[in-house]
Every structure is written in structure tokens, then in C-alpha cells.
Amino acid sequence: MSKTKARLKRLAEVNDDIPGIKPGAMFRNRQELSDAGVHLPTIHGIHNAGEENVYSVVLYGGYEDNVDEGEEITYTEQGKGAEKGKAVHGQSQAGDQEWKGPNAALKHYAVTTHLPIRVVRGDKSNSVYAPRPGGTYRYRYDGLYVVDEWWEARGKAGYMMCMFRLKRFNDGTVYDIPKRTDPD
């Protein structure tokens, strides 16, 4: 691993804000998010290290059962998305999700740690709290949340989903999550 990648990994694998990056910071793409240390994976929606550590999640419209109410999010991730070769954001599930990998890590957080994780919203999310689609800056860092609860339930497509309630972490930061507005 190069010194730059090792430094970036040390910077990103903390349960806190990244120094110099405040809630509301905008990013053009997933590579910029990764380079800043806000969310290292350029594809996956959960940044975890094993089944015990989670650092960040991205809401990007990949799962139809996500519900974003700003301060509280019902988050469904990860696995059994669209059929292989047909992965399109917002496409329905192709099978039951399982409590392994990133799902197990988020569940572990809900049960044992309650450490905060970073939440990023992308412009493909169908939430009024997501950045407006089609802009130059497609991702926004919206601060720290805790995994408050976990459960499994049948999703809209009829498959079992690993579901999580994320609640905004009160760290004293004053930040109002912006809502989408129509262009003038």
C-alpha cells in the first residue's frame, strides 16, 4: 500500500468528521469523496472494515426501501440488488438480503457501539434532502449519524431486507440539512 493510500485510510477510518470537511461540503463524484477521506469506497454504499467497524454510508438511490426524513433515515443496504448486468439505481431487489458483511457491521454498531458514522447524500436519491440532480456537485456530506435500531422486514419487492434507522448525532454542530429546490 502506498504512503498516500495508507495516510488516507488512517484519516478516513475514524468515527468522526474528517478534519477540514464540514457538514454541507459538496463533491463532484465518488472519487472526490474517497480522496477527501469522507467515504473511501468508490462503488459500495457502506465503508466498513470487517464486521465490527463502520465509518460512512452513501445514500444514492440504489435501494427502493430507503426513507430519508433528514434527521432520521431508514437505510437498507447491502446485497441482492438488481440482476447481474442490470444494476440500475432504484431498481427493485433480486433476492433476500443477509446479515453478513456490511449489514452485519451496521447491526454490530446498533447493538454494541453507537459510535457515529458519516452520512453522504447523492443526487440520485429520491429524497428532498439530496442534492439536486444534474448539478456539478453530485454528493454532499451531511454530518454524523448513529445506527439507532436494526430489523428485517419485507421490502417493496417482497424480499427480506436488512433495515437500519440512522439518527442525526447531536455533537453540537449547527447544520440545517438543505432541501432540494427547483432551479430558478
N, C-alpha and C. Protein backbone atom coordinates (compact mmCIF):
# COMPACT_ATOMS: atom_id res chain seq x y z
N MET A 1 0.85 -1.18 0.00
CA MET A 1 0.00 0.00 0.00
C MET A 1 0.90 1.24 0.00
N SER A 2 0.60 2.21 -0.86
CA SER A 2 1.42 3.41 -0.94
C SER A 2 1.24 4.25 0.32
N LYS A 3 2.19 5.14 0.58
CA LYS A 3 2.11 6.02 1.75
C LYS A 3 0.86 6.90 1.67
N THR A 4 0.51 7.35 0.47
CA THR A 4 -0.67 8.19 0.31
C THR A 4 -1.94 7.43 0.66
N LYS A 5 -2.06 6.19 0.16
CA LYS A 5 -3.24 5.38 0.46
C LYS A 5 -3.31 5.03 1.94
N ALA A 6 -2.17 4.73 2.54
CA ALA A 6 -2.13 4.41 3.97
C ALA A 6 -2.55 5.62 4.80
N ARG A 7 -2.08 6.82 4.44
CA ARG A 7 -2.46 8.04 5.15
C ARG A 7 -3.95 8.30 5.00
N LEU A 8 -4.46 8.13 3.79
CA LEU A 8 -5.88 8.35 3.53
C LEU A 8 -6.73 7.36 4.33
N LYS A 9 -6.30 6.12 4.40
CA LYS A 9 -7.04 5.11 5.16
C LYS A 9 -7.06 5.48 6.64
N ARG A 10 -5.94 5.91 7.21
CA ARG A 10 -5.90 6.34 8.61
C ARG A 10 -6.83 7.53 8.85
N LEU A 11 -6.86 8.46 7.91
CA LEU A 11 -7.71 9.64 8.01
C LEU A 11 -9.18 9.26 7.96
N ALA A 12 -9.56 8.35 7.06
CA ALA A 12 -10.96 8.02 6.83
C ALA A 12 -11.53 7.03 7.83
N GLU A 13 -10.71 6.21 8.43
CA GLU A 13 -11.22 5.18 9.32
C GLU A 13 -11.29 5.67 10.75
N VAL A 14 -12.12 6.70 10.93
CA VAL A 14 -12.44 7.27 12.24
C VAL A 14 -13.95 7.47 12.29
N ASN A 15 -14.50 7.45 13.48
CA ASN A 15 -15.93 7.67 13.66
C ASN A 15 -16.16 9.12 14.06
N ASP A 16 -15.83 10.00 13.14
CA ASP A 16 -15.91 11.44 13.39
C ASP A 16 -15.85 12.16 12.05
N ASP A 17 -16.00 13.49 12.10
CA ASP A 17 -15.80 14.29 10.91
C ASP A 17 -14.34 14.16 10.46
N ILE A 18 -14.12 14.39 9.19
CA ILE A 18 -12.76 14.43 8.65
C ILE A 18 -12.25 15.87 8.84
N PRO A 19 -11.05 16.05 9.39
CA PRO A 19 -10.54 17.41 9.59
C PRO A 19 -10.62 18.25 8.31
N GLY A 20 -11.18 19.43 8.44
CA GLY A 20 -11.30 20.35 7.31
C GLY A 20 -12.54 20.14 6.47
N ILE A 21 -13.34 19.09 6.74
CA ILE A 21 -14.55 18.81 5.97
C ILE A 21 -15.75 18.99 6.91
N LYS A 22 -16.53 20.01 6.66
CA LYS A 22 -17.69 20.29 7.50
C LYS A 22 -18.96 19.80 6.82
N PRO A 23 -20.01 19.52 7.61
CA PRO A 23 -21.30 19.18 7.00
C PRO A 23 -21.71 20.25 6.00
N GLY A 24 -22.19 19.80 4.85
CA GLY A 24 -22.54 20.70 3.76
C GLY A 24 -21.51 20.73 2.65
N ALA A 25 -20.34 20.13 2.90
CA ALA A 25 -19.29 20.09 1.87
C ALA A 25 -19.79 19.29 0.67
N MET A 26 -19.53 19.81 -0.52
CA MET A 26 -20.00 19.20 -1.76
C MET A 26 -18.84 18.57 -2.53
N PHE A 27 -19.17 17.49 -3.25
CA PHE A 27 -18.17 16.73 -4.01
C PHE A 27 -18.74 16.40 -5.39
N ARG A 28 -17.89 16.44 -6.40
CA ARG A 28 -18.31 16.18 -7.78
C ARG A 28 -18.67 14.71 -8.01
N ASN A 29 -17.89 13.80 -7.40
CA ASN A 29 -18.06 12.38 -7.69
C ASN A 29 -17.53 11.54 -6.54
N ARG A 30 -17.68 10.23 -6.68
CA ARG A 30 -17.25 9.31 -5.62
C ARG A 30 -15.74 9.34 -5.42
N GLN A 31 -14.98 9.60 -6.49
CA GLN A 31 -13.53 9.66 -6.34
C GLN A 31 -13.13 10.84 -5.46
N GLU A 32 -13.80 11.99 -5.61
CA GLU A 32 -13.51 13.13 -4.74
C GLU A 32 -13.85 12.81 -3.28
N LEU A 33 -14.97 12.11 -3.06
CA LEU A 33 -15.33 11.69 -1.70
C LEU A 33 -14.22 10.82 -1.11
N SER A 34 -13.74 9.88 -1.90
CA SER A 34 -12.69 8.98 -1.46
C SER A 34 -11.39 9.73 -1.19
N ASP A 35 -11.00 10.60 -2.12
CA ASP A 35 -9.75 11.35 -1.98
C ASP A 35 -9.76 12.25 -0.75
N ALA A 36 -10.95 12.73 -0.35
CA ALA A 36 -11.06 13.58 0.83
C ALA A 36 -11.14 12.76 2.12
N GLY A 37 -11.34 11.44 1.99
CA GLY A 37 -11.44 10.59 3.16
C GLY A 37 -12.83 10.53 3.77
N VAL A 38 -13.82 11.13 3.13
CA VAL A 38 -15.18 11.15 3.66
C VAL A 38 -15.83 9.78 3.52
N HIS A 39 -15.64 9.14 2.37
CA HIS A 39 -16.18 7.80 2.11
C HIS A 39 -15.21 7.13 1.14
N LEU A 40 -14.40 6.20 1.63
CA LEU A 40 -13.34 5.62 0.80
C LEU A 40 -13.81 4.80 -0.40
N PRO A 41 -14.81 3.89 -0.25
CA PRO A 41 -15.17 3.07 -1.41
C PRO A 41 -15.77 3.92 -2.54
N THR A 42 -15.33 3.68 -3.74
CA THR A 42 -15.87 4.45 -4.87
C THR A 42 -17.10 3.80 -5.47
N ILE A 43 -17.47 2.60 -5.01
CA ILE A 43 -18.67 1.94 -5.51
C ILE A 43 -19.64 1.62 -4.37
N HIS A 44 -19.19 0.97 -3.33
CA HIS A 44 -20.07 0.48 -2.27
C HIS A 44 -20.66 1.62 -1.44
N GLY A 45 -21.87 1.37 -0.91
CA GLY A 45 -22.57 2.37 -0.12
C GLY A 45 -22.18 2.41 1.34
N ILE A 46 -21.48 1.37 1.81
CA ILE A 46 -21.05 1.33 3.21
C ILE A 46 -19.53 1.21 3.24
N HIS A 47 -18.89 2.08 4.03
CA HIS A 47 -17.45 1.94 4.26
C HIS A 47 -17.29 1.26 5.61
N ASN A 48 -16.89 -0.01 5.56
CA ASN A 48 -16.67 -0.76 6.79
C ASN A 48 -15.32 -1.46 6.70
N ALA A 49 -14.83 -1.86 7.87
CA ALA A 49 -13.62 -2.67 7.96
C ALA A 49 -14.01 -3.89 8.77
N GLY A 50 -14.25 -4.98 8.11
CA GLY A 50 -14.71 -6.18 8.78
C GLY A 50 -16.14 -6.01 9.26
N GLU A 51 -16.53 -6.86 10.21
CA GLU A 51 -17.90 -6.80 10.71
C GLU A 51 -18.01 -6.05 12.02
N GLU A 52 -16.98 -5.27 12.36
CA GLU A 52 -17.02 -4.54 13.63
C GLU A 52 -16.89 -3.03 13.46
N ASN A 53 -16.42 -2.56 12.33
CA ASN A 53 -16.18 -1.13 12.17
C ASN A 53 -16.89 -0.58 10.95
N VAL A 54 -17.65 0.50 11.14
CA VAL A 54 -18.32 1.20 10.05
C VAL A 54 -17.96 2.68 10.20
N TYR A 55 -17.67 3.32 9.05
CA TYR A 55 -17.23 4.71 9.10
C TYR A 55 -18.15 5.66 8.36
N SER A 56 -18.78 5.18 7.27
CA SER A 56 -19.63 6.08 6.49
C SER A 56 -20.60 5.29 5.62
N VAL A 57 -21.67 5.97 5.21
CA VAL A 57 -22.63 5.42 4.25
C VAL A 57 -22.98 6.51 3.24
N VAL A 58 -23.36 6.05 2.05
CA VAL A 58 -23.81 6.96 1.00
C VAL A 58 -25.23 6.59 0.62
N LEU A 59 -26.12 7.57 0.59
CA LEU A 59 -27.49 7.40 0.09
C LEU A 59 -27.47 7.85 -1.35
N TYR A 60 -27.73 6.91 -2.28
CA TYR A 60 -27.62 7.28 -3.68
C TYR A 60 -28.73 6.69 -4.55
N GLY A 61 -29.83 6.31 -3.94
CA GLY A 61 -30.96 5.84 -4.73
C GLY A 61 -30.88 4.41 -5.19
N GLY A 62 -29.94 3.62 -4.66
CA GLY A 62 -29.79 2.25 -5.10
C GLY A 62 -30.80 1.28 -4.53
N TYR A 63 -31.49 1.66 -3.46
CA TYR A 63 -32.44 0.75 -2.81
C TYR A 63 -33.77 1.46 -2.63
N GLU A 64 -34.82 0.85 -3.15
CA GLU A 64 -36.14 1.46 -3.17
C GLU A 64 -36.78 1.59 -1.79
N ASP A 65 -36.28 0.87 -0.80
CA ASP A 65 -36.88 0.90 0.52
C ASP A 65 -36.26 1.93 1.46
N ASN A 66 -35.26 2.68 1.00
CA ASN A 66 -34.69 3.74 1.83
C ASN A 66 -35.72 4.85 2.01
N VAL A 67 -35.76 5.42 3.22
CA VAL A 67 -36.64 6.55 3.51
C VAL A 67 -35.77 7.59 4.20
N ASP A 68 -35.67 8.78 3.61
CA ASP A 68 -34.83 9.85 4.13
C ASP A 68 -35.71 10.98 4.62
N GLU A 69 -35.73 11.17 5.93
CA GLU A 69 -36.51 12.26 6.53
C GLU A 69 -35.60 13.33 7.11
N GLY A 70 -34.39 13.42 6.60
CA GLY A 70 -33.46 14.45 7.05
C GLY A 70 -32.71 14.04 8.29
N GLU A 71 -33.31 14.24 9.45
CA GLU A 71 -32.67 13.94 10.73
C GLU A 71 -32.72 12.44 11.04
N GLU A 72 -33.59 11.71 10.35
CA GLU A 72 -33.74 10.27 10.55
C GLU A 72 -33.85 9.59 9.20
N ILE A 73 -33.15 8.47 9.07
CA ILE A 73 -33.10 7.75 7.79
C ILE A 73 -33.39 6.27 8.05
N THR A 74 -34.26 5.69 7.24
CA THR A 74 -34.39 4.24 7.22
C THR A 74 -33.53 3.79 6.04
N TYR A 75 -32.50 3.03 6.35
CA TYR A 75 -31.46 2.68 5.39
C TYR A 75 -31.46 1.17 5.16
N THR A 76 -31.50 0.76 3.90
CA THR A 76 -31.44 -0.65 3.55
C THR A 76 -30.22 -0.87 2.67
N GLU A 77 -29.32 -1.66 3.14
CA GLU A 77 -28.06 -1.91 2.45
C GLU A 77 -27.54 -3.20 2.98
N GLN A 78 -26.97 -4.06 2.43
CA GLN A 78 -26.46 -4.11 1.09
C GLN A 78 -26.64 -5.52 0.61
N GLY A 79 -26.74 -5.71 -0.68
CA GLY A 79 -26.78 -7.03 -1.26
C GLY A 79 -28.09 -7.39 -1.92
N LYS A 80 -27.98 -8.28 -2.87
CA LYS A 80 -29.12 -8.80 -3.64
C LYS A 80 -29.85 -7.69 -4.37
N GLY A 81 -29.08 -6.78 -4.93
CA GLY A 81 -29.67 -5.71 -5.73
C GLY A 81 -30.15 -6.23 -7.06
N ALA A 82 -30.19 -5.38 -8.03
CA ALA A 82 -30.70 -5.72 -9.35
C ALA A 82 -29.95 -6.92 -9.94
N GLU A 83 -30.59 -7.60 -10.86
CA GLU A 83 -29.95 -8.74 -11.52
C GLU A 83 -28.59 -8.35 -12.07
N LYS A 84 -27.68 -9.31 -12.07
CA LYS A 84 -26.34 -9.06 -12.60
C LYS A 84 -26.44 -8.57 -14.04
N GLY A 85 -25.71 -7.49 -14.31
CA GLY A 85 -25.73 -6.90 -15.64
C GLY A 85 -26.85 -5.92 -15.85
N LYS A 86 -27.73 -5.78 -14.86
CA LYS A 86 -28.86 -4.85 -14.99
C LYS A 86 -28.93 -3.90 -13.80
N ALA A 87 -27.80 -3.68 -13.13
CA ALA A 87 -27.79 -2.82 -11.95
C ALA A 87 -28.07 -1.38 -12.33
N VAL A 88 -29.21 -0.91 -11.91
CA VAL A 88 -29.61 0.48 -12.17
C VAL A 88 -30.11 1.04 -10.85
N HIS A 89 -29.70 2.26 -10.52
CA HIS A 89 -30.15 2.85 -9.26
C HIS A 89 -31.65 2.87 -9.20
N GLY A 90 -32.18 2.43 -8.06
CA GLY A 90 -33.61 2.43 -7.84
C GLY A 90 -34.31 1.17 -8.32
N GLN A 91 -33.59 0.26 -8.97
CA GLN A 91 -34.21 -0.97 -9.44
C GLN A 91 -34.52 -1.86 -8.25
N SER A 92 -35.58 -2.63 -8.34
CA SER A 92 -36.00 -3.44 -7.21
C SER A 92 -35.01 -4.55 -6.91
N GLN A 93 -35.18 -5.12 -5.74
CA GLN A 93 -34.34 -6.21 -5.26
C GLN A 93 -34.49 -7.46 -6.12
N ALA A 94 -33.45 -8.31 -6.08
CA ALA A 94 -33.48 -9.57 -6.82
C ALA A 94 -33.43 -10.77 -5.87
N GLY A 95 -33.44 -10.52 -4.55
CA GLY A 95 -33.40 -11.60 -3.58
C GLY A 95 -33.32 -11.06 -2.17
N ASP A 96 -33.37 -11.96 -1.19
CA ASP A 96 -33.29 -11.57 0.22
C ASP A 96 -31.89 -11.05 0.55
N GLN A 97 -31.83 -10.03 1.38
CA GLN A 97 -30.55 -9.57 1.92
C GLN A 97 -30.18 -10.47 3.09
N GLU A 98 -28.89 -10.45 3.46
CA GLU A 98 -28.41 -11.30 4.54
C GLU A 98 -27.64 -10.48 5.56
N TRP A 99 -27.60 -10.99 6.79
CA TRP A 99 -26.87 -10.33 7.88
C TRP A 99 -25.40 -10.76 7.83
N LYS A 100 -24.69 -10.32 6.81
CA LYS A 100 -23.26 -10.58 6.71
C LYS A 100 -22.59 -9.37 6.08
N GLY A 101 -21.27 -9.32 6.17
CA GLY A 101 -20.51 -8.21 5.60
C GLY A 101 -20.94 -6.86 6.18
N PRO A 102 -21.15 -5.86 5.32
CA PRO A 102 -21.52 -4.53 5.80
C PRO A 102 -22.81 -4.51 6.61
N ASN A 103 -23.79 -5.35 6.26
CA ASN A 103 -25.03 -5.41 7.05
C ASN A 103 -24.73 -5.86 8.47
N ALA A 104 -23.89 -6.88 8.62
CA ALA A 104 -23.52 -7.36 9.96
C ALA A 104 -22.77 -6.28 10.72
N ALA A 105 -21.93 -5.51 10.03
CA ALA A 105 -21.19 -4.44 10.69
C ALA A 105 -22.13 -3.35 11.20
N LEU A 106 -23.11 -2.94 10.39
CA LEU A 106 -24.08 -1.94 10.86
C LEU A 106 -24.90 -2.48 12.03
N LYS A 107 -25.28 -3.75 11.96
CA LYS A 107 -26.03 -4.36 13.06
C LYS A 107 -25.18 -4.36 14.34
N HIS A 108 -23.91 -4.71 14.21
CA HIS A 108 -22.99 -4.69 15.36
C HIS A 108 -22.96 -3.29 15.98
N TYR A 109 -22.92 -2.27 15.15
CA TYR A 109 -22.91 -0.89 15.66
C TYR A 109 -24.18 -0.58 16.42
N ALA A 110 -25.32 -1.01 15.90
CA ALA A 110 -26.60 -0.75 16.56
C ALA A 110 -26.65 -1.43 17.92
N VAL A 111 -26.07 -2.62 18.02
CA VAL A 111 -26.16 -3.39 19.25
C VAL A 111 -25.10 -2.98 20.27
N THR A 112 -23.89 -2.68 19.82
CA THR A 112 -22.79 -2.55 20.78
C THR A 112 -22.15 -1.17 20.91
N THR A 113 -21.94 -0.45 19.83
CA THR A 113 -21.04 0.70 19.94
C THR A 113 -21.72 2.06 19.97
N HIS A 114 -22.68 2.27 19.11
CA HIS A 114 -23.33 3.59 18.96
C HIS A 114 -22.34 4.71 18.61
N LEU A 115 -21.20 4.33 18.01
CA LEU A 115 -20.29 5.36 17.52
C LEU A 115 -20.90 6.00 16.28
N PRO A 116 -20.67 7.29 16.06
CA PRO A 116 -21.26 7.93 14.89
C PRO A 116 -20.57 7.51 13.59
N ILE A 117 -21.33 7.60 12.50
CA ILE A 117 -20.80 7.36 11.17
C ILE A 117 -21.15 8.56 10.30
N ARG A 118 -20.37 8.78 9.25
CA ARG A 118 -20.61 9.89 8.33
C ARG A 118 -21.70 9.50 7.33
N VAL A 119 -22.60 10.45 7.03
CA VAL A 119 -23.64 10.22 6.03
C VAL A 119 -23.43 11.18 4.87
N VAL A 120 -23.44 10.61 3.67
CA VAL A 120 -23.31 11.37 2.43
C VAL A 120 -24.57 11.13 1.61
N ARG A 121 -25.12 12.19 1.04
CA ARG A 121 -26.29 12.06 0.16
C ARG A 121 -25.85 12.36 -1.27
N GLY A 122 -26.35 11.52 -2.19
CA GLY A 122 -26.06 11.70 -3.60
C GLY A 122 -27.27 12.19 -4.36
N ASP A 123 -27.06 12.76 -5.53
CA ASP A 123 -28.14 13.38 -6.30
C ASP A 123 -29.12 12.39 -6.93
N LYS A 124 -28.81 11.10 -6.92
CA LYS A 124 -29.73 10.11 -7.48
C LYS A 124 -30.77 9.63 -6.46
N SER A 125 -30.57 9.99 -5.20
CA SER A 125 -31.52 9.63 -4.16
C SER A 125 -32.84 10.36 -4.41
N ASN A 126 -33.95 9.69 -4.15
CA ASN A 126 -35.25 10.33 -4.38
C ASN A 126 -35.73 11.09 -3.15
N SER A 127 -34.83 11.67 -2.42
CA SER A 127 -35.14 12.41 -1.20
C SER A 127 -35.10 13.91 -1.46
N VAL A 128 -35.97 14.64 -0.78
CA VAL A 128 -35.93 16.11 -0.87
C VAL A 128 -34.68 16.65 -0.20
N TYR A 129 -33.98 15.81 0.56
CA TYR A 129 -32.76 16.24 1.24
C TYR A 129 -31.49 15.97 0.43
N ALA A 130 -31.63 15.34 -0.71
CA ALA A 130 -30.47 15.03 -1.55
C ALA A 130 -30.12 16.24 -2.42
N PRO A 131 -28.88 16.32 -2.88
CA PRO A 131 -28.53 17.39 -3.82
C PRO A 131 -29.39 17.30 -5.08
N ARG A 132 -29.59 18.43 -5.72
CA ARG A 132 -30.39 18.49 -6.94
C ARG A 132 -29.70 17.71 -8.05
N PRO A 133 -30.45 16.85 -8.76
CA PRO A 133 -29.83 16.05 -9.83
C PRO A 133 -29.27 16.92 -10.95
N GLY A 134 -28.20 16.42 -11.55
CA GLY A 134 -27.66 17.06 -12.74
C GLY A 134 -26.71 18.20 -12.50
N GLY A 135 -26.43 18.52 -11.25
CA GLY A 135 -25.50 19.61 -10.97
C GLY A 135 -24.06 19.16 -11.06
N THR A 136 -23.16 20.10 -10.96
CA THR A 136 -21.73 19.79 -10.98
C THR A 136 -21.33 18.98 -9.76
N TYR A 137 -21.90 19.34 -8.61
CA TYR A 137 -21.59 18.66 -7.35
C TYR A 137 -22.71 17.69 -7.04
N ARG A 138 -22.41 16.39 -7.11
CA ARG A 138 -23.44 15.35 -7.02
C ARG A 138 -23.56 14.72 -5.64
N TYR A 139 -22.61 15.00 -4.73
CA TYR A 139 -22.61 14.42 -3.40
C TYR A 139 -22.42 15.50 -2.35
N ARG A 140 -23.08 15.31 -1.19
CA ARG A 140 -22.94 16.27 -0.09
C ARG A 140 -22.76 15.49 1.21
N TYR A 141 -21.76 15.89 1.95
CA TYR A 141 -21.54 15.33 3.29
C TYR A 141 -22.50 16.03 4.24
N ASP A 142 -23.33 15.25 4.95
CA ASP A 142 -24.36 15.83 5.82
C ASP A 142 -24.17 15.52 7.29
N GLY A 143 -22.97 15.20 7.71
CA GLY A 143 -22.69 15.08 9.14
C GLY A 143 -22.75 13.66 9.67
N LEU A 144 -22.76 13.60 11.00
CA LEU A 144 -22.68 12.33 11.72
C LEU A 144 -24.06 11.83 12.15
N TYR A 145 -24.23 10.52 12.05
CA TYR A 145 -25.46 9.83 12.46
C TYR A 145 -25.07 8.62 13.29
N VAL A 146 -26.00 8.11 14.10
CA VAL A 146 -25.79 6.85 14.80
C VAL A 146 -26.80 5.84 14.29
N VAL A 147 -26.40 4.57 14.31
CA VAL A 147 -27.30 3.48 13.97
C VAL A 147 -28.11 3.20 15.23
N ASP A 148 -29.37 3.62 15.22
CA ASP A 148 -30.21 3.59 16.40
C ASP A 148 -30.96 2.27 16.57
N GLU A 149 -31.26 1.61 15.46
CA GLU A 149 -32.08 0.41 15.51
C GLU A 149 -31.85 -0.41 14.25
N TRP A 150 -32.08 -1.70 14.34
CA TRP A 150 -31.99 -2.58 13.18
C TRP A 150 -33.13 -3.57 13.23
N TRP A 151 -33.57 -4.05 12.07
CA TRP A 151 -34.61 -5.06 11.97
C TRP A 151 -34.60 -5.61 10.56
N GLU A 152 -35.36 -6.67 10.34
CA GLU A 152 -35.54 -7.14 8.97
C GLU A 152 -37.03 -7.11 8.67
N ALA A 153 -37.34 -6.81 7.44
CA ALA A 153 -38.74 -6.70 7.02
C ALA A 153 -38.82 -6.96 5.52
N ARG A 154 -40.00 -7.30 5.07
CA ARG A 154 -40.23 -7.46 3.64
C ARG A 154 -40.21 -6.08 2.99
N GLY A 155 -39.43 -5.98 1.93
CA GLY A 155 -39.35 -4.73 1.20
C GLY A 155 -40.43 -4.63 0.15
N LYS A 156 -40.41 -3.56 -0.59
CA LYS A 156 -41.41 -3.31 -1.64
C LYS A 156 -41.43 -4.40 -2.70
N ALA A 157 -40.28 -5.02 -2.96
CA ALA A 157 -40.20 -6.08 -3.98
C ALA A 157 -40.54 -7.45 -3.40
N GLY A 158 -40.85 -7.53 -2.09
CA GLY A 158 -41.24 -8.79 -1.48
C GLY A 158 -40.12 -9.59 -0.86
N TYR A 159 -38.90 -9.10 -0.93
CA TYR A 159 -37.76 -9.82 -0.36
C TYR A 159 -37.45 -9.29 1.04
N MET A 160 -36.79 -10.13 1.85
CA MET A 160 -36.37 -9.72 3.18
C MET A 160 -35.23 -8.70 3.05
N MET A 161 -35.36 -7.62 3.80
CA MET A 161 -34.39 -6.53 3.75
C MET A 161 -33.77 -6.33 5.12
N CYS A 162 -32.47 -6.04 5.16
CA CYS A 162 -31.78 -5.64 6.38
C CYS A 162 -31.98 -4.14 6.49
N MET A 163 -32.69 -3.71 7.54
CA MET A 163 -33.06 -2.30 7.64
C MET A 163 -32.45 -1.69 8.90
N PHE A 164 -32.13 -0.41 8.78
CA PHE A 164 -31.47 0.31 9.87
C PHE A 164 -32.09 1.70 10.01
N ARG A 165 -32.23 2.13 11.25
CA ARG A 165 -32.64 3.52 11.49
C ARG A 165 -31.39 4.30 11.90
N LEU A 166 -31.07 5.31 11.11
CA LEU A 166 -29.95 6.20 11.40
C LEU A 166 -30.54 7.51 11.92
N LYS A 167 -30.03 7.99 13.05
CA LYS A 167 -30.48 9.26 13.60
C LYS A 167 -29.31 10.22 13.68
N ARG A 168 -29.61 11.46 13.39
CA ARG A 168 -28.58 12.50 13.41
C ARG A 168 -27.94 12.54 14.80
N PHE A 169 -26.62 12.57 14.83
CA PHE A 169 -25.84 12.59 16.07
C PHE A 169 -25.72 14.03 16.54
N ASN A 170 -26.08 14.27 17.78
CA ASN A 170 -26.01 15.63 18.33
C ASN A 170 -24.63 15.86 18.92
N ASP A 171 -23.77 16.46 18.10
CA ASP A 171 -22.42 16.77 18.56
C ASP A 171 -22.23 18.26 18.78
N GLY A 172 -23.35 19.01 18.77
CA GLY A 172 -23.29 20.45 18.97
C GLY A 172 -23.11 21.24 17.69
N THR A 173 -22.89 20.56 16.57
CA THR A 173 -22.72 21.23 15.28
C THR A 173 -24.06 21.80 14.82
N VAL A 174 -24.06 23.05 14.44
CA VAL A 174 -25.27 23.67 13.90
C VAL A 174 -25.22 23.51 12.38
N TYR A 175 -26.14 22.73 11.86
CA TYR A 175 -26.19 22.48 10.43
C TYR A 175 -27.61 22.08 10.07
N ASP A 176 -28.25 22.87 9.23
CA ASP A 176 -29.58 22.54 8.72
C ASP A 176 -29.41 21.84 7.38
N ILE A 177 -29.91 20.63 7.30
CA ILE A 177 -29.79 19.85 6.07
C ILE A 177 -30.61 20.54 4.99
N PRO A 178 -29.97 20.96 3.90
CA PRO A 178 -30.73 21.66 2.85
C PRO A 178 -31.70 20.74 2.14
N LYS A 179 -32.80 21.33 1.69
CA LYS A 179 -33.77 20.61 0.87
C LYS A 179 -33.54 20.98 -0.58
N ARG A 180 -33.89 20.06 -1.47
CA ARG A 180 -33.83 20.35 -2.90
C ARG A 180 -34.76 21.50 -3.21
N THR A 181 -34.32 22.31 -4.12
CA THR A 181 -35.18 23.37 -4.63
C THR A 181 -35.18 23.29 -6.13
N ASP A 182 -36.27 23.69 -6.73
CA ASP A 182 -36.33 23.71 -8.19
C ASP A 182 -35.44 24.83 -8.72
N PRO A 183 -34.81 24.62 -9.86
CA PRO A 183 -33.97 25.68 -10.42
C PRO A 183 -34.82 26.88 -10.78
N ASP A 184 -34.24 28.06 -10.64
CA ASP A 184 -34.97 29.30 -10.96
C ASP A 184 -35.26 29.42 -12.44
